[in-house]
């Protein structure tokens, strides 16, 4: 009897363990490390960055993002190789939090963190981050088929910004409202610099 594997690309079968082929895989592309950086940018064709039709999905991971000022972490897109980061975006954002004292909890939509055809940076995580030495933010963002010249560019993100004595879980999703190919992605803080942290880019088959 054949084994059957179901994933997001359909059904695969095999007659023995270990012989399933054609499944999606994740390929590391580039890591950028912030050090008092105003922005961190991934530009297709620059410094070994691939952000084109090689992959239909791209994953960014955020590790130990630390701000220089109390601010939110955000993303923007370019369709002209980074000359301008001003793609119109419509987004939605909500978050949950719980404090160390077990005295405050919430699950809330964040109107202040959504965009309606906004061209500025889209906040990720639903709240600001603090600058204390032991605090940082971590998470990920999926960008779908940025090289399409037919459809808008959807993205989804989950980010955990740390604020003093609070565990936070922020969700952001939306789309870049352009049918031009997105060929550059930029991360920044709403105020100050990205003091430290790693952002890695992967391509997903």
N, C-alpha and C. Protein backbone atom coordinates (compact mmCIF):
# COMPACT_ATOMS: atom_id res chain seq x y z
N UNK A 1 0.84 -1.19 0.00
CA UNK A 1 0.00 0.00 0.00
C UNK A 1 0.88 1.25 0.00
N UNK A 2 0.55 2.21 -0.81
CA UNK A 2 1.34 3.44 -0.91
C UNK A 2 1.05 4.36 0.26
N UNK A 3 2.07 5.02 0.70
CA UNK A 3 1.89 6.07 1.69
C UNK A 3 1.38 7.31 0.99
N UNK A 4 0.59 8.10 1.67
CA UNK A 4 0.06 9.33 1.08
C UNK A 4 0.43 10.50 1.98
N UNK A 5 0.97 11.53 1.38
CA UNK A 5 1.34 12.75 2.10
C UNK A 5 0.53 13.90 1.56
N UNK A 6 -0.17 14.60 2.45
CA UNK A 6 -0.97 15.75 2.04
C UNK A 6 -0.31 17.01 2.55
N UNK A 7 -0.05 17.95 1.64
CA UNK A 7 0.47 19.25 2.07
C UNK A 7 -0.18 20.32 1.23
N UNK A 8 0.30 21.54 1.34
CA UNK A 8 -0.38 22.65 0.67
C UNK A 8 -0.17 22.66 -0.83
N UNK A 9 0.58 21.73 -1.36
CA UNK A 9 0.76 21.65 -2.80
C UNK A 9 0.09 20.40 -3.39
N UNK A 10 -0.68 19.69 -2.57
CA UNK A 10 -1.42 18.57 -3.10
C UNK A 10 -1.02 17.26 -2.45
N UNK A 11 -1.38 16.16 -3.09
CA UNK A 11 -1.15 14.83 -2.55
C UNK A 11 0.06 14.21 -3.23
N UNK A 12 0.95 13.65 -2.42
CA UNK A 12 2.10 12.94 -2.93
C UNK A 12 2.03 11.51 -2.41
N UNK A 13 2.56 10.56 -3.17
CA UNK A 13 2.53 9.19 -2.71
C UNK A 13 3.89 8.54 -2.88
N UNK A 14 4.12 7.50 -2.12
CA UNK A 14 5.37 6.78 -2.19
C UNK A 14 5.13 5.34 -1.76
N UNK A 15 6.01 4.46 -2.15
CA UNK A 15 5.85 3.05 -1.79
C UNK A 15 6.68 2.67 -0.59
N UNK A 16 7.68 3.50 -0.24
CA UNK A 16 8.51 3.23 0.93
C UNK A 16 8.78 4.52 1.67
N UNK A 17 9.13 4.38 2.94
CA UNK A 17 9.51 5.54 3.73
C UNK A 17 10.73 6.20 3.12
N UNK A 18 10.77 7.54 3.16
CA UNK A 18 11.94 8.26 2.69
C UNK A 18 11.97 8.55 1.21
N UNK A 19 10.98 8.09 0.47
CA UNK A 19 11.01 8.29 -0.98
C UNK A 19 10.00 9.31 -1.47
N UNK A 20 9.36 10.02 -0.54
CA UNK A 20 8.43 11.07 -0.93
C UNK A 20 9.22 12.24 -1.50
N UNK A 21 8.87 12.68 -2.70
CA UNK A 21 9.58 13.76 -3.37
C UNK A 21 8.62 14.86 -3.77
N UNK A 22 9.17 15.99 -4.13
CA UNK A 22 8.36 17.08 -4.66
C UNK A 22 7.72 17.96 -3.61
N UNK A 23 8.04 17.73 -2.34
CA UNK A 23 7.46 18.55 -1.29
C UNK A 23 8.17 19.89 -1.20
N UNK A 24 7.50 20.87 -0.62
CA UNK A 24 8.09 22.19 -0.49
C UNK A 24 9.32 22.18 0.40
N UNK A 25 10.25 23.07 0.12
CA UNK A 25 11.45 23.19 0.94
C UNK A 25 11.76 24.66 1.16
N UNK A 26 12.55 24.93 2.20
CA UNK A 26 12.92 26.29 2.56
C UNK A 26 14.41 26.47 2.34
N UNK A 27 14.79 27.54 1.62
CA UNK A 27 16.18 27.80 1.29
C UNK A 27 16.63 29.10 1.90
N UNK A 28 17.71 29.04 2.69
CA UNK A 28 18.27 30.26 3.27
C UNK A 28 18.86 31.12 2.16
N UNK A 29 18.58 32.44 2.21
CA UNK A 29 19.09 33.37 1.20
C UNK A 29 20.08 34.36 1.81
N UNK A 30 19.68 35.06 2.87
CA UNK A 30 20.52 36.15 3.37
C UNK A 30 20.18 36.49 4.80
N UNK A 31 21.22 36.79 5.59
CA UNK A 31 21.02 37.35 6.94
C UNK A 31 21.63 38.74 7.00
N UNK A 32 20.86 39.70 7.51
CA UNK A 32 21.36 41.05 7.75
C UNK A 32 21.29 41.32 9.25
N UNK A 33 22.36 41.89 9.78
CA UNK A 33 22.44 42.19 11.21
C UNK A 33 22.41 43.70 11.41
N UNK A 34 21.46 44.15 12.21
CA UNK A 34 21.33 45.58 12.50
C UNK A 34 22.32 45.98 13.57
N UNK A 35 22.87 47.17 13.43
CA UNK A 35 23.75 47.75 14.44
C UNK A 35 23.57 49.27 14.37
N UNK A 36 22.68 49.78 15.21
CA UNK A 36 22.29 51.19 15.16
C UNK A 36 21.91 51.58 13.73
N UNK A 37 21.07 50.75 13.11
CA UNK A 37 20.70 50.92 11.70
C UNK A 37 19.36 51.64 11.58
N UNK A 38 19.33 52.70 10.78
CA UNK A 38 18.06 53.39 10.54
C UNK A 38 17.10 52.48 9.80
N UNK A 39 17.61 51.68 8.87
CA UNK A 39 16.80 50.74 8.11
C UNK A 39 17.63 49.48 7.84
N UNK A 40 16.93 48.40 7.59
CA UNK A 40 17.53 47.16 7.11
C UNK A 40 16.77 46.78 5.85
N UNK A 41 17.47 46.70 4.72
CA UNK A 41 16.81 46.54 3.42
C UNK A 41 17.33 45.31 2.67
N UNK A 42 16.38 44.58 2.10
CA UNK A 42 16.68 43.44 1.23
C UNK A 42 16.28 43.84 -0.19
N UNK A 43 17.27 43.99 -1.07
CA UNK A 43 17.04 44.44 -2.43
C UNK A 43 17.45 43.33 -3.40
N UNK A 44 16.51 42.92 -4.23
CA UNK A 44 16.80 41.84 -5.18
C UNK A 44 18.02 42.18 -6.04
N UNK A 45 18.93 41.21 -6.14
CA UNK A 45 20.11 41.38 -6.97
C UNK A 45 21.25 42.13 -6.32
N UNK A 46 21.06 42.54 -5.06
CA UNK A 46 22.10 43.27 -4.34
C UNK A 46 22.60 42.43 -3.16
N UNK A 47 23.91 42.28 -3.07
CA UNK A 47 24.52 41.55 -1.94
C UNK A 47 23.94 40.15 -1.78
N UNK A 48 23.79 39.45 -2.89
CA UNK A 48 23.31 38.06 -2.91
C UNK A 48 21.85 37.89 -2.49
N UNK A 49 21.09 38.97 -2.47
CA UNK A 49 19.66 38.87 -2.15
C UNK A 49 18.88 38.40 -3.37
N UNK A 50 18.02 37.42 -3.16
CA UNK A 50 17.09 36.95 -4.19
C UNK A 50 15.69 37.29 -3.74
N UNK A 51 14.96 38.07 -4.53
CA UNK A 51 13.58 38.44 -4.21
C UNK A 51 12.85 38.62 -5.53
N UNK A 52 12.73 37.51 -6.27
CA UNK A 52 12.14 37.55 -7.60
C UNK A 52 11.28 36.31 -7.81
N UNK A 53 11.10 35.89 -9.06
CA UNK A 53 10.23 34.75 -9.33
C UNK A 53 10.91 33.40 -9.08
N UNK A 54 12.10 33.41 -8.47
CA UNK A 54 12.73 32.15 -8.08
C UNK A 54 11.85 31.39 -7.11
N UNK A 55 11.19 32.13 -6.20
CA UNK A 55 10.30 31.52 -5.22
C UNK A 55 8.95 32.24 -5.25
N UNK A 56 7.89 31.50 -4.95
CA UNK A 56 6.56 32.09 -4.89
C UNK A 56 6.21 32.58 -3.48
N UNK A 57 7.04 32.21 -2.52
CA UNK A 57 6.82 32.66 -1.14
C UNK A 57 8.17 32.95 -0.50
N UNK A 58 8.22 34.03 0.27
CA UNK A 58 9.44 34.39 0.99
C UNK A 58 9.12 34.54 2.47
N UNK A 59 10.07 34.11 3.30
CA UNK A 59 9.91 34.17 4.74
C UNK A 59 11.03 35.02 5.34
N UNK A 60 10.65 36.00 6.15
CA UNK A 60 11.60 36.79 6.92
C UNK A 60 11.47 36.39 8.39
N UNK A 61 12.59 36.15 9.06
CA UNK A 61 12.55 35.88 10.50
C UNK A 61 13.27 37.00 11.24
N UNK A 62 12.74 37.34 12.40
CA UNK A 62 13.26 38.44 13.21
C UNK A 62 13.76 37.88 14.53
N UNK A 63 15.03 38.14 14.85
CA UNK A 63 15.61 37.58 16.06
C UNK A 63 16.24 38.70 16.89
N UNK A 64 15.78 38.83 18.13
CA UNK A 64 16.34 39.79 19.10
C UNK A 64 16.41 41.21 18.54
N UNK A 65 15.29 41.66 17.97
CA UNK A 65 15.21 43.03 17.46
C UNK A 65 15.13 43.99 18.65
N UNK A 66 16.08 44.89 18.74
CA UNK A 66 16.16 45.82 19.88
C UNK A 66 16.17 47.25 19.36
N UNK A 67 15.26 48.10 19.82
CA UNK A 67 15.18 49.48 19.32
C UNK A 67 16.06 50.43 20.13
N UNK A 68 16.41 51.54 19.51
CA UNK A 68 17.16 52.58 20.22
C UNK A 68 16.23 53.53 20.96
N UNK A 69 14.95 53.52 20.60
CA UNK A 69 13.94 54.36 21.25
C UNK A 69 12.65 53.56 21.33
N UNK A 70 11.79 53.91 22.26
CA UNK A 70 10.51 53.21 22.36
C UNK A 70 9.73 53.44 21.07
N UNK A 71 9.46 52.36 20.33
CA UNK A 71 8.89 52.50 18.99
C UNK A 71 8.35 51.16 18.52
N UNK A 72 7.63 51.20 17.41
CA UNK A 72 7.13 49.98 16.79
C UNK A 72 8.04 49.58 15.63
N UNK A 73 8.09 48.29 15.36
CA UNK A 73 8.87 47.71 14.28
C UNK A 73 7.98 47.60 13.06
N UNK A 74 8.48 47.99 11.87
CA UNK A 74 7.62 48.01 10.70
C UNK A 74 8.29 47.62 9.40
N UNK A 75 7.47 47.50 8.36
CA UNK A 75 7.92 47.05 7.05
C UNK A 75 7.38 47.97 5.96
N UNK A 76 8.14 48.09 4.87
CA UNK A 76 7.66 48.77 3.68
C UNK A 76 8.24 48.08 2.45
N UNK A 77 7.66 48.38 1.29
CA UNK A 77 8.02 47.70 0.05
C UNK A 77 8.39 48.69 -1.04
N UNK A 78 9.17 48.20 -2.00
CA UNK A 78 9.58 49.00 -3.15
C UNK A 78 9.33 48.23 -4.44
N UNK A 79 8.99 48.97 -5.50
CA UNK A 79 8.86 48.37 -6.83
C UNK A 79 9.91 48.92 -7.79
N UNK A 80 10.88 49.68 -7.24
CA UNK A 80 11.93 50.26 -8.09
C UNK A 80 13.31 50.04 -7.49
N UNK A 81 13.53 48.80 -7.01
CA UNK A 81 14.84 48.38 -6.49
C UNK A 81 15.33 49.24 -5.33
N UNK A 82 14.41 49.72 -4.53
CA UNK A 82 14.77 50.45 -3.32
C UNK A 82 14.94 51.94 -3.49
N UNK A 83 14.67 52.47 -4.65
CA UNK A 83 14.73 53.93 -4.81
C UNK A 83 13.65 54.61 -3.99
N UNK A 84 12.49 53.98 -3.89
CA UNK A 84 11.38 54.49 -3.09
C UNK A 84 10.71 53.32 -2.36
N UNK A 85 10.45 53.51 -1.09
CA UNK A 85 9.69 52.53 -0.31
C UNK A 85 8.35 53.19 0.03
N UNK A 86 7.38 53.04 -0.87
CA UNK A 86 6.12 53.76 -0.73
C UNK A 86 4.94 53.04 -1.37
N UNK A 87 4.97 51.72 -1.35
CA UNK A 87 3.85 50.95 -1.91
C UNK A 87 2.62 51.13 -1.02
N UNK A 88 1.48 51.43 -1.62
CA UNK A 88 0.23 51.55 -0.86
C UNK A 88 -0.14 50.21 -0.25
N UNK A 89 -0.50 50.23 1.03
CA UNK A 89 -0.82 49.00 1.75
C UNK A 89 -2.12 49.15 2.52
N UNK A 90 -2.90 48.08 2.53
CA UNK A 90 -4.07 47.99 3.40
C UNK A 90 -3.84 46.81 4.33
N UNK A 91 -3.95 47.06 5.65
CA UNK A 91 -3.58 46.04 6.63
C UNK A 91 -4.59 45.96 7.76
N UNK A 92 -4.46 44.91 8.54
CA UNK A 92 -5.26 44.72 9.74
C UNK A 92 -4.34 44.24 10.85
N UNK A 93 -4.64 44.59 12.10
CA UNK A 93 -3.72 44.27 13.19
C UNK A 93 -4.49 44.04 14.49
N UNK A 94 -4.11 42.98 15.21
CA UNK A 94 -4.65 42.79 16.55
C UNK A 94 -3.57 42.15 17.42
N UNK A 95 -3.76 42.21 18.74
CA UNK A 95 -2.78 41.62 19.63
C UNK A 95 -3.42 41.12 20.91
N UNK A 96 -2.67 40.27 21.59
CA UNK A 96 -3.03 39.81 22.92
C UNK A 96 -1.88 40.11 23.85
N UNK A 97 -2.19 40.41 25.13
CA UNK A 97 -1.10 40.54 26.08
C UNK A 97 -1.51 40.04 27.46
N UNK A 98 -0.48 39.78 28.30
CA UNK A 98 -0.68 39.31 29.66
C UNK A 98 0.53 39.78 30.45
N UNK A 99 0.30 40.39 31.61
CA UNK A 99 1.44 40.91 32.36
C UNK A 99 1.94 39.93 33.41
N UNK A 100 3.15 40.20 33.91
CA UNK A 100 3.78 39.30 34.87
C UNK A 100 3.01 39.22 36.19
N UNK A 101 2.34 40.28 36.54
CA UNK A 101 1.59 40.31 37.81
C UNK A 101 0.24 39.60 37.71
N UNK A 102 -0.11 39.14 36.51
CA UNK A 102 -1.38 38.46 36.27
C UNK A 102 -2.56 39.37 36.58
N UNK A 103 -2.38 40.67 36.35
CA UNK A 103 -3.43 41.64 36.68
C UNK A 103 -3.97 42.36 35.45
N UNK A 104 -3.40 42.09 34.27
CA UNK A 104 -3.86 42.77 33.05
C UNK A 104 -3.76 41.82 31.87
N UNK A 105 -4.86 41.71 31.16
CA UNK A 105 -4.90 40.90 29.94
C UNK A 105 -5.77 41.61 28.92
N UNK A 106 -5.54 41.31 27.65
CA UNK A 106 -6.42 41.85 26.61
C UNK A 106 -6.29 41.04 25.33
N UNK A 107 -7.31 41.12 24.52
CA UNK A 107 -7.29 40.67 23.13
C UNK A 107 -7.98 41.79 22.37
N UNK A 108 -7.22 42.52 21.54
CA UNK A 108 -7.73 43.79 21.04
C UNK A 108 -7.34 44.04 19.59
N UNK A 109 -8.30 44.56 18.82
CA UNK A 109 -7.97 45.08 17.49
C UNK A 109 -7.26 46.41 17.68
N UNK A 110 -6.24 46.66 16.83
CA UNK A 110 -5.40 47.85 16.99
C UNK A 110 -5.62 48.80 15.82
N UNK A 111 -6.61 49.67 15.94
CA UNK A 111 -6.92 50.62 14.88
C UNK A 111 -5.73 51.51 14.57
N UNK A 112 -4.97 51.88 15.57
CA UNK A 112 -3.83 52.77 15.37
C UNK A 112 -2.70 52.12 14.58
N UNK A 113 -2.76 50.77 14.43
CA UNK A 113 -1.69 50.07 13.75
C UNK A 113 -2.12 49.50 12.41
N UNK A 114 -3.31 49.84 11.94
CA UNK A 114 -3.70 49.38 10.60
C UNK A 114 -3.52 50.51 9.59
N UNK A 115 -3.51 50.14 8.33
CA UNK A 115 -3.37 51.10 7.24
C UNK A 115 -4.53 50.91 6.27
N UNK A 116 -4.96 52.01 5.66
CA UNK A 116 -5.95 51.98 4.59
C UNK A 116 -5.36 52.74 3.41
N UNK A 117 -4.68 52.00 2.55
CA UNK A 117 -3.96 52.57 1.41
C UNK A 117 -2.84 53.51 1.87
N UNK A 118 -2.24 53.20 3.00
CA UNK A 118 -1.12 54.00 3.49
C UNK A 118 0.17 53.63 2.79
N UNK A 119 1.01 54.60 2.54
CA UNK A 119 2.28 54.36 1.86
C UNK A 119 3.46 54.35 2.81
N UNK A 120 3.23 54.66 4.08
CA UNK A 120 4.30 54.61 5.07
C UNK A 120 4.55 53.19 5.54
N UNK A 121 5.47 53.07 6.49
CA UNK A 121 5.80 51.77 7.05
C UNK A 121 4.60 51.17 7.77
N UNK A 122 4.39 49.87 7.58
CA UNK A 122 3.31 49.16 8.26
C UNK A 122 3.82 48.58 9.57
N UNK A 123 3.27 49.01 10.74
CA UNK A 123 3.73 48.46 12.01
C UNK A 123 3.44 46.97 12.11
N UNK A 124 4.36 46.25 12.71
CA UNK A 124 4.19 44.82 12.98
C UNK A 124 4.14 44.61 14.48
N UNK A 125 3.28 43.75 14.93
CA UNK A 125 3.28 43.39 16.35
C UNK A 125 2.22 44.06 17.19
N UNK A 126 1.61 45.12 16.71
CA UNK A 126 0.48 45.69 17.43
C UNK A 126 0.81 46.59 18.59
N UNK A 127 2.10 46.80 18.90
CA UNK A 127 2.43 47.72 19.98
C UNK A 127 3.91 48.10 19.90
N UNK A 128 4.29 49.04 20.76
CA UNK A 128 5.67 49.51 20.79
C UNK A 128 6.57 48.55 21.57
N UNK A 129 7.87 48.72 21.35
CA UNK A 129 8.89 47.96 22.07
C UNK A 129 9.64 48.91 22.99
N UNK A 130 10.13 48.38 24.10
CA UNK A 130 10.90 49.18 25.04
C UNK A 130 12.39 49.02 24.79
N UNK A 131 13.19 49.89 25.40
CA UNK A 131 14.62 49.93 25.14
C UNK A 131 15.46 49.30 26.25
N UNK A 132 14.84 48.74 27.28
CA UNK A 132 15.62 48.13 28.35
C UNK A 132 16.56 47.08 27.78
N UNK A 133 17.69 46.90 28.42
CA UNK A 133 18.75 46.05 27.88
C UNK A 133 18.30 44.61 27.64
N UNK A 134 17.38 44.11 28.46
CA UNK A 134 16.99 42.71 28.33
C UNK A 134 15.76 42.52 27.44
N UNK A 135 15.31 43.56 26.77
CA UNK A 135 14.07 43.47 26.00
C UNK A 135 14.33 43.49 24.49
N UNK A 136 13.51 42.74 23.78
CA UNK A 136 13.67 42.66 22.33
C UNK A 136 12.36 42.16 21.73
N UNK A 137 12.31 42.05 20.42
CA UNK A 137 11.16 41.50 19.72
C UNK A 137 11.59 40.41 18.77
N UNK A 138 10.74 39.42 18.58
CA UNK A 138 11.04 38.29 17.70
C UNK A 138 9.78 37.90 16.94
N UNK A 139 9.97 37.31 15.76
CA UNK A 139 8.82 36.87 14.99
C UNK A 139 9.16 36.53 13.56
N UNK A 140 8.15 36.62 12.70
CA UNK A 140 8.34 36.25 11.30
C UNK A 140 7.31 36.95 10.42
N UNK A 141 7.59 36.96 9.13
CA UNK A 141 6.67 37.53 8.13
C UNK A 141 6.75 36.72 6.86
N UNK A 142 5.61 36.35 6.32
CA UNK A 142 5.52 35.67 5.02
C UNK A 142 5.07 36.67 3.95
N UNK A 143 5.79 36.72 2.85
CA UNK A 143 5.43 37.55 1.71
C UNK A 143 5.18 36.62 0.53
N UNK A 144 4.00 36.76 -0.09
CA UNK A 144 3.57 35.80 -1.09
C UNK A 144 3.71 36.37 -2.51
N UNK A 145 4.43 35.64 -3.34
CA UNK A 145 4.57 35.90 -4.77
C UNK A 145 4.83 37.38 -5.09
N UNK A 146 5.90 37.95 -4.54
CA UNK A 146 6.15 39.38 -4.75
C UNK A 146 6.47 39.75 -6.20
N UNK A 147 6.86 38.77 -7.02
CA UNK A 147 7.23 39.08 -8.41
C UNK A 147 6.03 39.10 -9.35
N UNK A 148 4.83 38.79 -8.85
CA UNK A 148 3.65 38.78 -9.70
C UNK A 148 3.40 40.15 -10.33
N UNK A 149 3.06 40.16 -11.58
CA UNK A 149 2.64 41.40 -12.25
C UNK A 149 1.15 41.36 -12.58
N UNK A 150 0.44 40.46 -11.89
CA UNK A 150 -1.01 40.33 -12.07
C UNK A 150 -1.78 40.65 -10.80
N UNK A 151 -1.27 40.19 -9.66
CA UNK A 151 -2.02 40.27 -8.41
C UNK A 151 -1.37 41.21 -7.40
N UNK A 152 -2.17 41.63 -6.39
CA UNK A 152 -1.62 42.37 -5.25
C UNK A 152 -0.73 41.43 -4.45
N UNK A 153 0.05 41.98 -3.49
CA UNK A 153 1.07 41.21 -2.78
C UNK A 153 0.68 41.04 -1.31
N UNK A 154 0.19 39.86 -0.95
CA UNK A 154 -0.25 39.61 0.42
C UNK A 154 0.93 39.28 1.33
N UNK A 155 0.78 39.65 2.59
CA UNK A 155 1.75 39.26 3.60
C UNK A 155 1.03 39.03 4.93
N UNK A 156 1.61 38.16 5.75
CA UNK A 156 1.11 37.91 7.10
C UNK A 156 2.30 37.89 8.04
N UNK A 157 2.10 38.39 9.26
CA UNK A 157 3.20 38.48 10.21
C UNK A 157 2.71 38.17 11.62
N UNK A 158 3.62 37.60 12.40
CA UNK A 158 3.40 37.42 13.83
C UNK A 158 4.67 37.89 14.53
N UNK A 159 4.50 38.80 15.50
CA UNK A 159 5.65 39.43 16.13
C UNK A 159 5.37 39.62 17.61
N UNK A 160 6.40 39.37 18.44
CA UNK A 160 6.25 39.49 19.89
C UNK A 160 7.13 40.61 20.41
N UNK A 161 6.63 41.84 20.43
CA UNK A 161 7.40 42.94 21.00
C UNK A 161 7.34 42.88 22.52
N UNK A 162 8.47 43.06 23.17
CA UNK A 162 8.47 43.03 24.63
C UNK A 162 8.36 44.44 25.18
N UNK A 163 7.40 44.61 26.07
CA UNK A 163 7.23 45.85 26.80
C UNK A 163 7.36 45.49 28.27
N UNK A 164 7.85 46.38 29.14
CA UNK A 164 8.16 46.01 30.52
C UNK A 164 7.08 45.18 31.20
N UNK A 165 7.46 43.95 31.56
CA UNK A 165 6.61 43.04 32.35
C UNK A 165 5.38 42.54 31.59
N UNK A 166 5.38 42.65 30.25
CA UNK A 166 4.24 42.18 29.47
C UNK A 166 4.69 41.18 28.41
N UNK A 167 3.95 40.08 28.30
CA UNK A 167 4.08 39.18 27.16
C UNK A 167 3.06 39.61 26.12
N UNK A 168 3.52 39.87 24.89
CA UNK A 168 2.63 40.33 23.83
C UNK A 168 2.73 39.42 22.61
N UNK A 169 1.62 39.27 21.92
CA UNK A 169 1.56 38.45 20.71
C UNK A 169 0.79 39.24 19.67
N UNK A 170 1.51 39.78 18.67
CA UNK A 170 0.90 40.66 17.68
C UNK A 170 0.74 40.02 16.32
N UNK A 171 -0.40 40.25 15.70
CA UNK A 171 -0.73 39.68 14.40
C UNK A 171 -1.02 40.82 13.42
N UNK A 172 -0.37 40.77 12.27
CA UNK A 172 -0.60 41.77 11.23
C UNK A 172 -0.71 41.06 9.90
N UNK A 173 -1.65 41.49 9.08
CA UNK A 173 -1.80 40.93 7.74
C UNK A 173 -2.28 42.03 6.81
N UNK A 174 -2.02 41.86 5.53
CA UNK A 174 -2.47 42.85 4.57
C UNK A 174 -1.92 42.58 3.20
N UNK A 175 -1.95 43.62 2.37
CA UNK A 175 -1.43 43.47 1.02
C UNK A 175 -0.86 44.80 0.54
N UNK A 176 0.20 44.66 -0.27
CA UNK A 176 0.71 45.80 -1.02
C UNK A 176 -0.15 45.93 -2.26
N UNK A 177 -0.83 47.06 -2.40
CA UNK A 177 -1.81 47.21 -3.48
C UNK A 177 -1.13 47.66 -4.77
N UNK A 178 -0.38 46.74 -5.34
CA UNK A 178 0.30 47.01 -6.61
C UNK A 178 0.36 45.74 -7.43
N UNK A 179 0.23 45.89 -8.75
CA UNK A 179 0.43 44.76 -9.64
C UNK A 179 1.84 44.77 -10.23
N UNK A 180 2.64 45.73 -9.83
CA UNK A 180 4.06 45.71 -10.19
C UNK A 180 4.80 44.75 -9.26
N UNK A 181 5.90 44.21 -9.72
CA UNK A 181 6.69 43.31 -8.90
C UNK A 181 7.34 44.07 -7.75
N UNK A 182 7.22 43.54 -6.55
CA UNK A 182 7.97 44.07 -5.40
C UNK A 182 9.36 43.45 -5.44
N UNK A 183 10.38 44.30 -5.49
CA UNK A 183 11.75 43.79 -5.61
C UNK A 183 12.66 44.26 -4.47
N UNK A 184 12.09 44.88 -3.44
CA UNK A 184 12.86 45.28 -2.28
C UNK A 184 11.94 45.41 -1.07
N UNK A 185 12.46 45.03 0.09
CA UNK A 185 11.71 45.07 1.35
C UNK A 185 12.58 45.76 2.38
N UNK A 186 11.99 46.69 3.13
CA UNK A 186 12.75 47.44 4.12
C UNK A 186 12.08 47.39 5.49
N UNK A 187 12.89 47.22 6.53
CA UNK A 187 12.43 47.20 7.91
C UNK A 187 13.00 48.40 8.65
N UNK A 188 12.22 48.96 9.57
CA UNK A 188 12.66 50.13 10.33
C UNK A 188 11.84 50.23 11.60
N UNK A 189 12.26 51.14 12.48
CA UNK A 189 11.48 51.48 13.66
C UNK A 189 10.71 52.76 13.38
N UNK A 190 9.59 52.94 14.07
CA UNK A 190 8.79 54.16 13.86
C UNK A 190 9.49 55.39 14.42
N UNK A 191 10.47 55.17 15.30
CA UNK A 191 11.28 56.26 15.83
C UNK A 191 12.65 55.68 16.18
N UNK A 192 13.69 56.42 15.90
CA UNK A 192 15.03 55.95 16.21
C UNK A 192 15.50 54.84 15.28
N UNK A 193 16.49 54.08 15.74
CA UNK A 193 17.12 53.05 14.92
C UNK A 193 16.78 51.65 15.41
N UNK A 194 17.11 50.67 14.56
CA UNK A 194 17.15 49.28 15.01
C UNK A 194 18.52 49.11 15.65
N UNK A 195 18.55 49.11 16.96
CA UNK A 195 19.81 49.11 17.69
C UNK A 195 20.59 47.81 17.47
N UNK A 196 19.87 46.68 17.41
CA UNK A 196 20.51 45.38 17.23
C UNK A 196 19.47 44.38 16.75
N UNK A 197 19.94 43.24 16.25
CA UNK A 197 19.04 42.18 15.84
C UNK A 197 19.39 41.61 14.47
N UNK A 198 18.94 40.40 14.23
CA UNK A 198 19.16 39.71 12.96
C UNK A 198 17.84 39.55 12.22
N UNK A 199 17.88 39.79 10.92
CA UNK A 199 16.73 39.50 10.05
C UNK A 199 17.24 38.56 8.96
N UNK A 200 16.60 37.43 8.83
CA UNK A 200 16.99 36.43 7.84
C UNK A 200 15.89 36.28 6.79
N UNK A 201 16.33 36.02 5.57
CA UNK A 201 15.42 35.84 4.43
C UNK A 201 15.57 34.41 3.90
N UNK A 202 14.41 33.77 3.66
CA UNK A 202 14.37 32.43 3.10
C UNK A 202 13.42 32.41 1.92
N UNK A 203 13.71 31.56 0.96
CA UNK A 203 12.79 31.29 -0.13
C UNK A 203 12.11 29.96 0.08
N UNK A 204 10.82 29.88 -0.22
CA UNK A 204 10.05 28.65 -0.02
C UNK A 204 9.51 28.17 -1.35
N UNK A 205 9.84 26.93 -1.70
CA UNK A 205 9.36 26.33 -2.95
C UNK A 205 7.89 25.95 -2.84
